[in-house]
Protein backbone atom coordinates (compact mmCIF):
# COMPACT_ATOMS: atom_id res chain seq x y z
CA UNK A 1 0.00 0.00 0.00
CA UNK A 2 1.47 3.33 -1.07
CA UNK A 3 0.25 6.32 0.94
CA UNK A 4 1.67 9.76 0.32
CA UNK A 5 1.03 12.59 2.71
CA UNK A 6 3.16 15.14 0.90
CA UNK A 7 3.64 15.80 -2.76
CA UNK A 8 6.90 14.72 -4.28
CA UNK A 9 9.54 17.37 -4.60
CA UNK A 10 10.43 18.23 -8.11
CA UNK A 11 13.81 19.56 -9.05
CA UNK A 12 13.41 22.74 -11.01
CA UNK A 13 16.42 23.76 -13.02
CA UNK A 14 16.70 26.40 -15.66
CA UNK A 15 19.60 27.93 -17.45
CA UNK A 16 20.30 31.59 -16.93
CA UNK A 17 20.91 33.72 -19.95
CA UNK A 18 23.80 36.20 -19.81
CA UNK A 19 21.30 39.03 -19.34
CA UNK A 20 19.98 37.35 -16.17
CA UNK A 21 23.34 36.89 -14.49
CA UNK A 22 24.56 39.77 -12.37
CA UNK A 23 28.22 40.37 -11.81
CA UNK A 24 29.20 41.86 -8.46
CA UNK A 25 31.95 44.47 -8.62
CA UNK A 26 35.29 43.33 -7.27
CA UNK A 27 36.91 45.61 -4.69
CA UNK A 28 40.65 45.07 -4.42
CA UNK A 29 43.10 46.63 -1.96
CA UNK A 30 45.57 49.26 -3.15
CA UNK A 31 49.26 49.73 -2.42
CA UNK A 32 50.25 51.89 0.54
CA UNK A 33 50.69 55.55 -0.46
CA UNK A 34 53.60 55.97 2.02
CA UNK A 35 55.79 52.88 1.77
CA UNK A 36 54.37 51.06 -1.27
CA UNK A 37 53.58 47.95 0.78
CA UNK A 38 50.55 45.79 0.28
CA UNK A 39 47.34 46.95 1.93
CA UNK A 40 44.35 45.00 3.10
CA UNK A 41 40.69 46.01 3.26
CA UNK A 42 39.37 46.90 6.70
CA UNK A 43 35.89 47.92 5.61
CA UNK A 44 33.81 48.93 2.62
CA UNK A 45 31.22 51.70 2.87
CA UNK A 46 28.72 51.21 0.06
CA UNK A 47 26.77 54.38 0.89
CA UNK A 48 29.82 56.66 0.66
CA UNK A 49 31.46 54.36 -1.95
CA UNK A 50 34.75 54.27 -0.05
CA UNK A 51 37.04 51.59 1.32
CA UNK A 52 39.25 51.80 4.41
CA UNK A 53 42.59 50.04 4.13
CA UNK A 54 45.61 49.35 6.33
CA UNK A 55 49.20 48.75 5.23
CA UNK A 56 50.61 45.41 6.35
CA UNK A 57 54.14 46.85 6.56
CA UNK A 58 53.97 50.31 8.12
CA UNK A 59 50.46 50.20 9.65
CA UNK A 60 49.20 53.34 7.87
CA UNK A 61 45.41 53.53 7.58
CA UNK A 62 43.82 55.35 4.64
CA UNK A 63 40.47 55.75 2.89
CA UNK A 64 39.94 55.78 -0.89
CA UNK A 65 37.00 55.78 -3.24
CA UNK A 66 35.84 52.50 -4.73
CA UNK A 67 37.11 52.34 -8.33
C-alpha atoms as a PDB file:
ATOM      1  CA  UNK A   1       0.000   0.000   0.000  1.00  0.00           C
ATOM      2  CA  UNK A   2       1.470   3.333  -1.071  1.00  0.00           C
ATOM      3  CA  UNK A   3       0.253   6.321   0.937  1.00  0.00           C
ATOM      4  CA  UNK A   4       1.673   9.764   0.321  1.00  0.00           C
ATOM      5  CA  UNK A   5       1.025  12.590   2.710  1.00  0.00           C
ATOM      6  CA  UNK A   6       3.162  15.144   0.902  1.00  0.00           C
ATOM      7  CA  UNK A   7       3.636  15.802  -2.755  1.00  0.00           C
ATOM      8  CA  UNK A   8       6.900  14.718  -4.278  1.00  0.00           C
ATOM      9  CA  UNK A   9       9.541  17.371  -4.599  1.00  0.00           C
ATOM     10  CA  UNK A  10      10.432  18.234  -8.113  1.00  0.00           C
ATOM     11  CA  UNK A  11      13.812  19.559  -9.046  1.00  0.00           C
ATOM     12  CA  UNK A  12      13.409  22.740 -11.006  1.00  0.00           C
ATOM     13  CA  UNK A  13      16.416  23.761 -13.018  1.00  0.00           C
ATOM     14  CA  UNK A  14      16.697  26.400 -15.662  1.00  0.00           C
ATOM     15  CA  UNK A  15      19.595  27.927 -17.454  1.00  0.00           C
ATOM     16  CA  UNK A  16      20.295  31.588 -16.935  1.00  0.00           C
ATOM     17  CA  UNK A  17      20.909  33.723 -19.947  1.00  0.00           C
ATOM     18  CA  UNK A  18      23.804  36.203 -19.812  1.00  0.00           C
ATOM     19  CA  UNK A  19      21.303  39.026 -19.338  1.00  0.00           C
ATOM     20  CA  UNK A  20      19.976  37.347 -16.172  1.00  0.00           C
ATOM     21  CA  UNK A  21      23.342  36.894 -14.495  1.00  0.00           C
ATOM     22  CA  UNK A  22      24.560  39.766 -12.366  1.00  0.00           C
ATOM     23  CA  UNK A  23      28.215  40.370 -11.806  1.00  0.00           C
ATOM     24  CA  UNK A  24      29.198  41.857  -8.464  1.00  0.00           C
ATOM     25  CA  UNK A  25      31.945  44.466  -8.622  1.00  0.00           C
ATOM     26  CA  UNK A  26      35.285  43.330  -7.265  1.00  0.00           C
ATOM     27  CA  UNK A  27      36.911  45.612  -4.692  1.00  0.00           C
ATOM     28  CA  UNK A  28      40.651  45.073  -4.420  1.00  0.00           C
ATOM     29  CA  UNK A  29      43.095  46.631  -1.956  1.00  0.00           C
ATOM     30  CA  UNK A  30      45.574  49.255  -3.146  1.00  0.00           C
ATOM     31  CA  UNK A  31      49.262  49.731  -2.425  1.00  0.00           C
ATOM     32  CA  UNK A  32      50.250  51.890   0.539  1.00  0.00           C
ATOM     33  CA  UNK A  33      50.688  55.551  -0.459  1.00  0.00           C
ATOM     34  CA  UNK A  34      53.601  55.971   2.024  1.00  0.00           C
ATOM     35  CA  UNK A  35      55.791  52.879   1.774  1.00  0.00           C
ATOM     36  CA  UNK A  36      54.372  51.062  -1.272  1.00  0.00           C
ATOM     37  CA  UNK A  37      53.584  47.952   0.783  1.00  0.00           C
ATOM     38  CA  UNK A  38      50.546  45.791   0.282  1.00  0.00           C
ATOM     39  CA  UNK A  39      47.344  46.946   1.928  1.00  0.00           C
ATOM     40  CA  UNK A  40      44.345  45.004   3.104  1.00  0.00           C
ATOM     41  CA  UNK A  41      40.691  46.011   3.257  1.00  0.00           C
ATOM     42  CA  UNK A  42      39.370  46.896   6.705  1.00  0.00           C
ATOM     43  CA  UNK A  43      35.887  47.921   5.612  1.00  0.00           C
ATOM     44  CA  UNK A  44      33.812  48.935   2.618  1.00  0.00           C
ATOM     45  CA  UNK A  45      31.216  51.705   2.871  1.00  0.00           C
ATOM     46  CA  UNK A  46      28.719  51.210   0.058  1.00  0.00           C
ATOM     47  CA  UNK A  47      26.771  54.378   0.888  1.00  0.00           C
ATOM     48  CA  UNK A  48      29.818  56.657   0.661  1.00  0.00           C
ATOM     49  CA  UNK A  49      31.462  54.360  -1.951  1.00  0.00           C
ATOM     50  CA  UNK A  50      34.749  54.266  -0.049  1.00  0.00           C
ATOM     51  CA  UNK A  51      37.040  51.591   1.322  1.00  0.00           C
ATOM     52  CA  UNK A  52      39.253  51.797   4.409  1.00  0.00           C
ATOM     53  CA  UNK A  53      42.591  50.037   4.127  1.00  0.00           C
ATOM     54  CA  UNK A  54      45.608  49.350   6.327  1.00  0.00           C
ATOM     55  CA  UNK A  55      49.200  48.749   5.229  1.00  0.00           C
ATOM     56  CA  UNK A  56      50.607  45.410   6.350  1.00  0.00           C
ATOM     57  CA  UNK A  57      54.144  46.845   6.556  1.00  0.00           C
ATOM     58  CA  UNK A  58      53.965  50.313   8.120  1.00  0.00           C
ATOM     59  CA  UNK A  59      50.457  50.199   9.646  1.00  0.00           C
ATOM     60  CA  UNK A  60      49.198  53.337   7.869  1.00  0.00           C
ATOM     61  CA  UNK A  61      45.409  53.534   7.579  1.00  0.00           C
ATOM     62  CA  UNK A  62      43.815  55.352   4.643  1.00  0.00           C
ATOM     63  CA  UNK A  63      40.469  55.745   2.893  1.00  0.00           C
ATOM     64  CA  UNK A  64      39.941  55.776  -0.885  1.00  0.00           C
ATOM     65  CA  UNK A  65      37.003  55.779  -3.241  1.00  0.00           C
ATOM     66  CA  UNK A  66      35.842  52.496  -4.733  1.00  0.00           C
ATOM     67  CA  UNK A  67      37.107  52.341  -8.328  1.00  0.00           C
END
